[in-house]
Amino acid sequence: MSAGCCVCGLSDARALVVVPLKGGLRVTLCGTHDLVHRRAGGRARSVAELKVACGERRSENRRARPKGEHDELAQRLSDAFTRERRNSERRAG
């Protein structure tokens, strides 16, 4: 095995696997990037294609939203874990 995942560089041998790419090249991936590669259909032929396939999928404009502007799930999670909304009866005593 090589030094680490060819996408993210993770070097913990317990999390690494060697995967053949479509063109026959064998590369080392962490479990997460192996899963992403398999879910994408295993079509990558090179490390460059693999990095593109495993790259950031969130759009940049979501990160640039004004503070306080969330999607519905984010707002529900925020509300559920905001201390001010909890009342003392719900806490274990």
PDB file of N, CA and C in Angstrom:
ATOM      1  N   MET A   1       0.831  -1.193   0.000  1.00  0.00           N
ATOM      2  CA  MET A   1       0.000   0.000   0.000  1.00  0.00           C
ATOM      3  C   MET A   1       0.871   1.250   0.000  1.00  0.00           C
ATOM      4  N   SER A   2       0.372   2.300  -0.590  1.00  0.00           N
ATOM      5  CA  SER A   2       1.132   3.551  -0.633  1.00  0.00           C
ATOM      6  C   SER A   2       1.004   4.287   0.693  1.00  0.00           C
ATOM      7  N   ALA A   3       1.518   5.500   0.741  1.00  0.00           N
ATOM      8  CA  ALA A   3       1.540   6.288   1.966  1.00  0.00           C
ATOM      9  C   ALA A   3       0.156   6.656   2.478  1.00  0.00           C
ATOM     10  N   GLY A   4      -0.830   6.719   1.617  1.00  0.00           N
ATOM     11  CA  GLY A   4      -2.158   7.100   2.082  1.00  0.00           C
ATOM     12  C   GLY A   4      -3.150   7.208   0.953  1.00  0.00           C
ATOM     13  N   CYS A   5      -4.346   7.660   1.308  1.00  0.00           N
ATOM     14  CA  CYS A   5      -5.416   7.842   0.335  1.00  0.00           C
ATOM     15  C   CYS A   5      -4.973   8.855  -0.723  1.00  0.00           C
ATOM     16  N   CYS A   6      -5.119   8.490  -1.981  1.00  0.00           N
ATOM     17  CA  CYS A   6      -4.669   9.391  -3.049  1.00  0.00           C
ATOM     18  C   CYS A   6      -5.578  10.606  -3.213  1.00  0.00           C
ATOM     19  N   VAL A   7      -6.731  10.622  -2.537  1.00  0.00           N
ATOM     20  CA  VAL A   7      -7.637  11.775  -2.621  1.00  0.00           C
ATOM     21  C   VAL A   7      -7.403  12.728  -1.450  1.00  0.00           C
ATOM     22  N   CYS A   8      -7.405  12.192  -0.217  1.00  0.00           N
ATOM     23  CA  CYS A   8      -7.325  13.072   0.952  1.00  0.00           C
ATOM     24  C   CYS A   8      -6.029  12.955   1.739  1.00  0.00           C
ATOM     25  N   GLY A   9      -5.251  11.903   1.471  1.00  0.00           N
ATOM     26  CA  GLY A   9      -3.982  11.743   2.161  1.00  0.00           C
ATOM     27  C   GLY A   9      -4.055  10.996   3.478  1.00  0.00           C
ATOM     28  N   LEU A  10      -5.228  10.538   3.901  1.00  0.00           N
ATOM     29  CA  LEU A  10      -5.349   9.784   5.142  1.00  0.00           C
ATOM     30  C   LEU A  10      -4.364   8.629   5.124  1.00  0.00           C
ATOM     31  N   SER A  11      -3.597   8.466   6.207  1.00  0.00           N
ATOM     32  CA  SER A  11      -2.545   7.451   6.191  1.00  0.00           C
ATOM     33  C   SER A  11      -2.749   6.335   7.209  1.00  0.00           C
ATOM     34  N   ASP A  12      -3.863   6.302   7.891  1.00  0.00           N
ATOM     35  CA  ASP A  12      -4.154   5.242   8.856  1.00  0.00           C
ATOM     36  C   ASP A  12      -4.440   3.951   8.091  1.00  0.00           C
ATOM     37  N   ALA A  13      -3.516   2.994   8.172  1.00  0.00           N
ATOM     38  CA  ALA A  13      -3.623   1.756   7.393  1.00  0.00           C
ATOM     39  C   ALA A  13      -4.912   0.991   7.663  1.00  0.00           C
ATOM     40  N   ARG A  14      -5.508   1.180   8.837  1.00  0.00           N
ATOM     41  CA  ARG A  14      -6.750   0.477   9.172  1.00  0.00           C
ATOM     42  C   ARG A  14      -7.919   0.930   8.312  1.00  0.00           C
ATOM     43  N   ALA A  15      -7.818   2.113   7.727  1.00  0.00           N
ATOM     44  CA  ALA A  15      -8.923   2.663   6.947  1.00  0.00           C
ATOM     45  C   ALA A  15      -8.658   2.646   5.447  1.00  0.00           C
ATOM     46  N   LEU A  16      -7.557   2.022   5.021  1.00  0.00           N
ATOM     47  CA  LEU A  16      -7.163   2.085   3.615  1.00  0.00           C
ATOM     48  C   LEU A  16      -7.438   0.781   2.874  1.00  0.00           C
ATOM     49  N   VAL A  17      -7.787   0.925   1.602  1.00  0.00           N
ATOM     50  CA  VAL A  17      -7.980  -0.214   0.709  1.00  0.00           C
ATOM     51  C   VAL A  17      -7.315   0.102  -0.624  1.00  0.00           C
ATOM     52  N   VAL A  18      -6.915  -0.936  -1.333  1.00  0.00           N
ATOM     53  CA  VAL A  18      -6.366  -0.761  -2.677  1.00  0.00           C
ATOM     54  C   VAL A  18      -7.484  -1.086  -3.652  1.00  0.00           C
ATOM     55  N   VAL A  19      -7.736  -0.153  -4.573  1.00  0.00           N
ATOM     56  CA  VAL A  19      -8.871  -0.256  -5.492  1.00  0.00           C
ATOM     57  C   VAL A  19      -8.378  -0.158  -6.933  1.00  0.00           C
ATOM     58  N   PRO A  20      -8.836  -1.054  -7.797  1.00  0.00           N
ATOM     59  CA  PRO A  20      -8.485  -0.912  -9.218  1.00  0.00           C
ATOM     60  C   PRO A  20      -9.406   0.109  -9.882  1.00  0.00           C
ATOM     61  N   LEU A  21      -8.818   1.030 -10.631  1.00  0.00           N
ATOM     62  CA  LEU A  21      -9.620   1.979 -11.391  1.00  0.00           C
ATOM     63  C   LEU A  21     -10.002   1.343 -12.723  1.00  0.00           C
ATOM     64  N   LYS A  22     -10.877   1.974 -13.447  1.00  0.00           N
ATOM     65  CA  LYS A  22     -11.392   1.410 -14.692  1.00  0.00           C
ATOM     66  C   LYS A  22     -10.295   1.104 -15.707  1.00  0.00           C
ATOM     67  N   GLY A  23      -9.265   1.908 -15.743  1.00  0.00           N
ATOM     68  CA  GLY A  23      -8.174   1.685 -16.688  1.00  0.00           C
ATOM     69  C   GLY A  23      -7.165   0.647 -16.235  1.00  0.00           C
ATOM     70  N   GLY A  24      -7.351   0.050 -15.048  1.00  0.00           N
ATOM     71  CA  GLY A  24      -6.440  -0.960 -14.547  1.00  0.00           C
ATOM     72  C   GLY A  24      -5.467  -0.461 -13.494  1.00  0.00           C
ATOM     73  N   LEU A  25      -5.295   0.849 -13.369  1.00  0.00           N
ATOM     74  CA  LEU A  25      -4.421   1.422 -12.359  1.00  0.00           C
ATOM     75  C   LEU A  25      -4.967   1.082 -10.973  1.00  0.00           C
ATOM     76  N   ARG A  26      -4.101   0.674 -10.052  1.00  0.00           N
ATOM     77  CA  ARG A  26      -4.512   0.362  -8.682  1.00  0.00           C
ATOM     78  C   ARG A  26      -4.092   1.531  -7.786  1.00  0.00           C
ATOM     79  N   VAL A  27      -5.037   2.040  -7.003  1.00  0.00           N
ATOM     80  CA  VAL A  27      -4.776   3.188  -6.126  1.00  0.00           C
ATOM     81  C   VAL A  27      -5.219   2.873  -4.708  1.00  0.00           C
ATOM     82  N   THR A  28      -4.675   3.613  -3.772  1.00  0.00           N
ATOM     83  CA  THR A  28      -5.048   3.473  -2.365  1.00  0.00           C
ATOM     84  C   THR A  28      -6.093   4.533  -2.032  1.00  0.00           C
ATOM     85  N   LEU A  29      -7.176   4.091  -1.404  1.00  0.00           N
ATOM     86  CA  LEU A  29      -8.248   4.999  -0.988  1.00  0.00           C
ATOM     87  C   LEU A  29      -8.614   4.729   0.463  1.00  0.00           C
ATOM     88  N   CYS A  30      -9.085   5.758   1.147  1.00  0.00           N
ATOM     89  CA  CYS A  30      -9.660   5.556   2.468  1.00  0.00           C
ATOM     90  C   CYS A  30     -11.064   4.991   2.263  1.00  0.00           C
ATOM     91  N   GLY A  31     -11.662   4.493   3.301  1.00  0.00           N
ATOM     92  CA  GLY A  31     -12.990   3.902   3.193  1.00  0.00           C
ATOM     93  C   GLY A  31     -14.030   4.864   2.641  1.00  0.00           C
ATOM     94  N   THR A  32     -13.966   6.117   3.038  1.00  0.00           N
ATOM     95  CA  THR A  32     -14.934   7.104   2.566  1.00  0.00           C
ATOM     96  C   THR A  32     -14.811   7.314   1.062  1.00  0.00           C
ATOM     97  N   HIS A  33     -13.603   7.502   0.576  1.00  0.00           N
ATOM     98  CA  HIS A  33     -13.433   7.754  -0.855  1.00  0.00           C
ATOM     99  C   HIS A  33     -13.651   6.487  -1.684  1.00  0.00           C
ATOM    100  N   ASP A  34     -13.408   5.316  -1.107  1.00  0.00           N
ATOM    101  CA  ASP A  34     -13.758   4.073  -1.783  1.00  0.00           C
ATOM    102  C   ASP A  34     -15.273   4.007  -1.967  1.00  0.00           C
ATOM    103  N   LEU A  35     -16.017   4.355  -0.924  1.00  0.00           N
ATOM    104  CA  LEU A  35     -17.480   4.352  -1.011  1.00  0.00           C
ATOM    105  C   LEU A  35     -17.975   5.343  -2.057  1.00  0.00           C
ATOM    106  N   VAL A  36     -17.419   6.545  -2.067  1.00  0.00           N
ATOM    107  CA  VAL A  36     -17.817   7.555  -3.056  1.00  0.00           C
ATOM    108  C   VAL A  36     -17.521   7.043  -4.468  1.00  0.00           C
ATOM    109  N   HIS A  37     -16.359   6.449  -4.646  1.00  0.00           N
ATOM    110  CA  HIS A  37     -15.972   5.913  -5.955  1.00  0.00           C
ATOM    111  C   HIS A  37     -16.949   4.819  -6.405  1.00  0.00           C
ATOM    112  N   ARG A  38     -17.272   3.903  -5.498  1.00  0.00           N
ATOM    113  CA  ARG A  38     -18.204   2.827  -5.853  1.00  0.00           C
ATOM    114  C   ARG A  38     -19.602   3.366  -6.148  1.00  0.00           C
ATOM    115  N   ARG A  39     -20.056   4.330  -5.345  1.00  0.00           N
ATOM    116  CA  ARG A  39     -21.393   4.901  -5.574  1.00  0.00           C
ATOM    117  C   ARG A  39     -21.466   5.671  -6.885  1.00  0.00           C
ATOM    118  N   ALA A  40     -20.329   6.188  -7.332  1.00  0.00           N
ATOM    119  CA  ALA A  40     -20.281   6.905  -8.616  1.00  0.00           C
ATOM    120  C   ALA A  40     -20.180   5.931  -9.785  1.00  0.00           C
ATOM    121  N   GLY A  41     -20.186   4.645  -9.508  1.00  0.00           N
ATOM    122  CA  GLY A  41     -20.152   3.648 -10.567  1.00  0.00           C
ATOM    123  C   GLY A  41     -18.765   3.163 -10.907  1.00  0.00           C
ATOM    124  N   GLY A  42     -17.748   3.621 -10.174  1.00  0.00           N
ATOM    125  CA  GLY A  42     -16.382   3.168 -10.407  1.00  0.00           C
ATOM    126  C   GLY A  42     -15.850   3.500 -11.787  1.00  0.00           C
ATOM    127  N   ARG A  43     -16.218   4.657 -12.317  1.00  0.00           N
ATOM    128  CA  ARG A  43     -15.852   5.023 -13.690  1.00  0.00           C
ATOM    129  C   ARG A  43     -14.511   5.724 -13.828  1.00  0.00           C
ATOM    130  N   ALA A  44     -13.917   6.141 -12.731  1.00  0.00           N
ATOM    131  CA  ALA A  44     -12.648   6.892 -12.819  1.00  0.00           C
ATOM    132  C   ALA A  44     -11.549   6.026 -13.421  1.00  0.00           C
ATOM    133  N   ARG A  45     -10.755   6.636 -14.317  1.00  0.00           N
ATOM    134  CA  ARG A  45      -9.641   5.935 -14.965  1.00  0.00           C
ATOM    135  C   ARG A  45      -8.288   6.410 -14.450  1.00  0.00           C
ATOM    136  N   SER A  46      -8.274   7.547 -13.749  1.00  0.00           N
ATOM    137  CA  SER A  46      -7.020   8.111 -13.258  1.00  0.00           C
ATOM    138  C   SER A  46      -7.250   8.742 -11.888  1.00  0.00           C
ATOM    139  N   VAL A  47      -6.159   9.067 -11.218  1.00  0.00           N
ATOM    140  CA  VAL A  47      -6.266   9.732  -9.924  1.00  0.00           C
ATOM    141  C   VAL A  47      -6.937  11.089 -10.092  1.00  0.00           C
ATOM    142  N   ALA A  48      -6.629  11.798 -11.169  1.00  0.00           N
ATOM    143  CA  ALA A  48      -7.253  13.110 -11.411  1.00  0.00           C
ATOM    144  C   ALA A  48      -8.764  12.979 -11.546  1.00  0.00           C
ATOM    145  N   GLU A  49      -9.240  11.987 -12.306  1.00  0.00           N
ATOM    146  CA  GLU A  49     -10.682  11.761 -12.450  1.00  0.00           C
ATOM    147  C   GLU A  49     -11.304  11.365 -11.119  1.00  0.00           C
ATOM    148  N   LEU A  50     -10.572  10.579 -10.350  1.00  0.00           N
ATOM    149  CA  LEU A  50     -11.057  10.151  -9.045  1.00  0.00           C
ATOM    150  C   LEU A  50     -11.222  11.344  -8.114  1.00  0.00           C
ATOM    151  N   LYS A  51     -10.246  12.248  -8.129  1.00  0.00           N
ATOM    152  CA  LYS A  51     -10.337  13.440  -7.282  1.00  0.00           C
ATOM    153  C   LYS A  51     -11.516  14.317  -7.673  1.00  0.00           C
ATOM    154  N   VAL A  52     -11.782  14.421  -8.972  1.00  0.00           N
ATOM    155  CA  VAL A  52     -12.939  15.201  -9.423  1.00  0.00           C
ATOM    156  C   VAL A  52     -14.230  14.531  -8.952  1.00  0.00           C
ATOM    157  N   ALA A  53     -14.304  13.215  -9.107  1.00  0.00           N
ATOM    158  CA  ALA A  53     -15.507  12.476  -8.707  1.00  0.00           C
ATOM    159  C   ALA A  53     -15.750  12.549  -7.211  1.00  0.00           C
ATOM    160  N   CYS A  54     -14.667  12.614  -6.427  1.00  0.00           N
ATOM    161  CA  CYS A  54     -14.780  12.637  -4.966  1.00  0.00           C
ATOM    162  C   CYS A  54     -14.741  14.044  -4.400  1.00  0.00           C
ATOM    163  N   GLY A  55     -14.684  15.037  -5.266  1.00  0.00           N
ATOM    164  CA  GLY A  55     -14.531  16.418  -4.820  1.00  0.00           C
ATOM    165  C   GLY A  55     -15.746  16.966  -4.104  1.00  0.00           C
ATOM    166  N   GLU A  56     -15.601  18.170  -3.642  1.00  0.00           N
ATOM    167  CA  GLU A  56     -16.653  18.877  -2.918  1.00  0.00           C
ATOM    168  C   GLU A  56     -17.894  19.008  -3.784  1.00  0.00           C
ATOM    169  N   ARG A  57     -19.016  18.533  -3.279  1.00  0.00           N
ATOM    170  CA  ARG A  57     -20.255  18.564  -4.041  1.00  0.00           C
ATOM    171  C   ARG A  57     -21.193  19.695  -3.615  1.00  0.00           C
ATOM    172  N   ARG A  58     -20.931  20.277  -2.471  1.00  0.00           N
ATOM    173  CA  ARG A  58     -21.782  21.383  -2.025  1.00  0.00           C
ATOM    174  C   ARG A  58     -21.451  22.625  -2.817  1.00  0.00           C
ATOM    175  N   SER A  59     -22.458  23.365  -3.195  1.00  0.00           N
ATOM    176  CA  SER A  59     -22.198  24.581  -3.955  1.00  0.00           C
ATOM    177  C   SER A  59     -21.670  25.665  -3.027  1.00  0.00           C
ATOM    178  N   GLU A  60     -20.819  26.477  -3.555  1.00  0.00           N
ATOM    179  CA  GLU A  60     -20.211  27.550  -2.768  1.00  0.00           C
ATOM    180  C   GLU A  60     -21.246  28.566  -2.297  1.00  0.00           C
ATOM    181  N   ASN A  61     -22.292  28.783  -3.074  1.00  0.00           N
ATOM    182  CA  ASN A  61     -23.274  29.804  -2.700  1.00  0.00           C
ATOM    183  C   ASN A  61     -24.050  29.431  -1.447  1.00  0.00           C
ATOM    184  N   ARG A  62     -24.125  28.128  -1.078  1.00  0.00           N
ATOM    185  CA  ARG A  62     -24.791  27.734   0.162  1.00  0.00           C
ATOM    186  C   ARG A  62     -24.006  28.234   1.356  1.00  0.00           C
ATOM    187  N   ARG A  63     -22.691  28.268   1.237  1.00  0.00           N
ATOM    188  CA  ARG A  63     -21.858  28.721   2.346  1.00  0.00           C
ATOM    189  C   ARG A  63     -21.912  30.235   2.493  1.00  0.00           C
ATOM    190  N   ALA A  64     -22.261  30.903   1.433  1.00  0.00           N
ATOM    191  CA  ALA A  64     -22.246  32.360   1.446  1.00  0.00           C
ATOM    192  C   ALA A  64     -23.584  32.965   1.885  1.00  0.00           C
ATOM    193  N   ARG A  65     -24.485  32.134   2.356  1.00  0.00           N
ATOM    194  CA  ARG A  65     -25.773  32.666   2.804  1.00  0.00           C
ATOM    195  C   ARG A  65     -25.583  33.597   3.991  1.00  0.00           C
ATOM    196  N   PRO A  66     -26.429  34.604   4.077  1.00  0.00           N
ATOM    197  CA  PRO A  66     -26.354  35.501   5.231  1.00  0.00           C
ATOM    198  C   PRO A  66     -26.610  34.734   6.527  1.00  0.00           C
ATOM    199  N   LYS A  67     -26.001  35.170   7.605  1.00  0.00           N
ATOM    200  CA  LYS A  67     -26.172  34.515   8.898  1.00  0.00           C
ATOM    201  C   LYS A  67     -27.655  34.471   9.250  1.00  0.00           C
ATOM    202  N   GLY A  68     -28.110  33.345   9.722  1.00  0.00           N
ATOM    203  CA  GLY A  68     -29.505  33.188  10.107  1.00  0.00           C
ATOM    204  C   GLY A  68     -30.380  32.643   9.000  1.00  0.00           C
ATOM    205  N   GLU A  69     -29.892  32.587   7.776  1.00  0.00           N
ATOM    206  CA  GLU A  69     -30.683  32.059   6.669  1.00  0.00           C
ATOM    207  C   GLU A  69     -30.298  30.592   6.470  1.00  0.00           C
ATOM    208  N   HIS A  70     -31.210  29.670   6.795  1.00  0.00           N
ATOM    209  CA  HIS A  70     -30.931  28.241   6.756  1.00  0.00           C
ATOM    210  C   HIS A  70     -31.974  27.529   5.921  1.00  0.00           C
ATOM    211  N   ASP A  71     -31.645  26.332   5.520  1.00  0.00           N
ATOM    212  CA  ASP A  71     -32.676  25.508   4.940  1.00  0.00           C
ATOM    213  C   ASP A  71     -33.518  24.954   6.090  1.00  0.00           C
ATOM    214  N   GLU A  72     -34.620  24.296   5.783  1.00  0.00           N
ATOM    215  CA  GLU A  72     -35.555  23.857   6.814  1.00  0.00           C
ATOM    216  C   GLU A  72     -34.919  22.889   7.808  1.00  0.00           C
ATOM    217  N   LEU A  73     -34.167  21.900   7.323  1.00  0.00           N
ATOM    218  CA  LEU A  73     -33.546  20.939   8.219  1.00  0.00           C
ATOM    219  C   LEU A  73     -32.532  21.615   9.133  1.00  0.00           C
ATOM    220  N   ALA A  74     -31.719  22.492   8.576  1.00  0.00           N
ATOM    221  CA  ALA A  74     -30.730  23.201   9.384  1.00  0.00           C
ATOM    222  C   ALA A  74     -31.414  24.031  10.461  1.00  0.00           C
ATOM    223  N   GLN A  75     -32.518  24.647  10.135  1.00  0.00           N
ATOM    224  CA  GLN A  75     -33.235  25.454  11.112  1.00  0.00           C
ATOM    225  C   GLN A  75     -33.810  24.579  12.223  1.00  0.00           C
ATOM    226  N   ARG A  76     -34.377  23.430  11.872  1.00  0.00           N
ATOM    227  CA  ARG A  76     -34.921  22.517  12.886  1.00  0.00           C
ATOM    228  C   ARG A  76     -33.826  22.009  13.823  1.00  0.00           C
ATOM    229  N   LEU A  77     -32.670  21.648  13.258  1.00  0.00           N
ATOM    230  CA  LEU A  77     -31.559  21.190  14.084  1.00  0.00           C
ATOM    231  C   LEU A  77     -31.069  22.302  14.998  1.00  0.00           C
ATOM    232  N   SER A  78     -30.960  23.486  14.459  1.00  0.00           N
ATOM    233  CA  SER A  78     -30.528  24.621  15.253  1.00  0.00           C
ATOM    234  C   SER A  78     -31.492  24.876  16.408  1.00  0.00           C
ATOM    235  N   ASP A  79     -32.778  24.848  16.114  1.00  0.00           N
ATOM    236  CA  ASP A  79     -33.790  25.060  17.146  1.00  0.00           C
ATOM    237  C   ASP A  79     -33.747  23.970  18.215  1.00  0.00           C
ATOM    238  N   ALA A  80     -33.539  22.736  17.807  1.00  0.00           N
ATOM    239  CA  ALA A  80     -33.544  21.615  18.741  1.00  0.00           C
ATOM    240  C   ALA A  80     -32.363  21.669  19.710  1.00  0.00           C
ATOM    241  N   PHE A  81     -31.259  22.226  19.271  1.00  0.00           N
ATOM    242  CA  PHE A  81     -30.065  22.212  20.106  1.00  0.00           C
ATOM    243  C   PHE A  81     -29.688  23.569  20.676  1.00  0.00           C
ATOM    244  N   THR A  82     -30.575  24.533  20.578  1.00  0.00           N
ATOM    245  CA  THR A  82     -30.322  25.842  21.159  1.00  0.00           C
ATOM    246  C   THR A  82     -30.688  25.798  22.632  1.00  0.00           C
ATOM    247  N   ARG A  83     -29.749  26.139  23.497  1.00  0.00           N
ATOM    248  CA  ARG A  83     -29.955  26.045  24.946  1.00  0.00           C
ATOM    249  C   ARG A  83     -31.145  26.886  25.425  1.00  0.00           C
ATOM    250  N   GLU A  84     -31.349  28.052  24.861  1.00  0.00           N
ATOM    251  CA  GLU A  84     -32.413  28.933  25.336  1.00  0.00           C
ATOM    252  C   GLU A  84     -33.794  28.297  25.172  1.00  0.00           C
ATOM    253  N   ARG A  85     -33.939  27.409  24.216  1.00  0.00           N
ATOM    254  CA  ARG A  85     -35.243  26.797  23.965  1.00  0.00           C
ATOM    255  C   ARG A  85     -35.506  25.616  24.889  1.00  0.00           C
ATOM    256  N   ARG A  86     -34.475  25.088  25.536  1.00  0.00           N
ATOM    257  CA  ARG A  86     -34.673  23.967  26.446  1.00  0.00           C
ATOM    258  C   ARG A  86     -35.240  24.487  27.762  1.00  0.00           C
ATOM    259  N   ASN A  87     -36.103  23.722  28.346  1.00  0.00           N
ATOM    260  CA  ASN A  87     -36.586  24.123  29.665  1.00  0.00           C
ATOM    261  C   ASN A  87     -36.034  23.156  30.696  1.00  0.00           C
ATOM    262  N   SER A  88     -36.054  23.550  31.943  1.00  0.00           N
ATOM    263  CA  SER A  88     -35.398  22.783  32.985  1.00  0.00           C
ATOM    264  C   SER A  88     -36.070  21.429  33.218  1.00  0.00           C
ATOM    265  N   GLU A  89     -37.359  21.281  32.908  1.00  0.00           N
ATOM    266  CA  GLU A  89     -38.039  19.989  33.132  1.00  0.00           C
ATOM    267  C   GLU A  89     -37.480  18.901  32.227  1.00  0.00           C
ATOM    268  N   ARG A  90     -36.933  19.253  31.070  1.00  0.00           N
ATOM    269  CA  ARG A  90     -36.434  18.261  30.135  1.00  0.00           C
ATOM    270  C   ARG A  90     -35.053  17.750  30.516  1.00  0.00           C
ATOM    271  N   ARG A  91     -34.367  18.421  31.402  1.00  0.00           N
ATOM    272  CA  ARG A  91     -33.024  18.018  31.775  1.00  0.00           C
ATOM    273  C   ARG A  91     -33.054  16.966  32.863  1.00  0.00           C
ATOM    274  N   ALA A  92     -32.143  16.020  32.754  1.00  0.00           N
ATOM    275  CA  ALA A  92     -32.042  14.980  33.785  1.00  0.00           C
ATOM    276  C   ALA A  92     -31.527  15.626  35.074  1.00  0.00           C
ATOM    277  N   GLY A  93     -32.058  15.247  36.172  1.00  0.00           N
ATOM    278  CA  GLY A  93     -31.669  15.916  37.384  1.00  0.00           C
ATOM    279  C   GLY A  93     -31.139  15.022  38.364  1.00  0.00           C
TER     280      GLY A  93
END
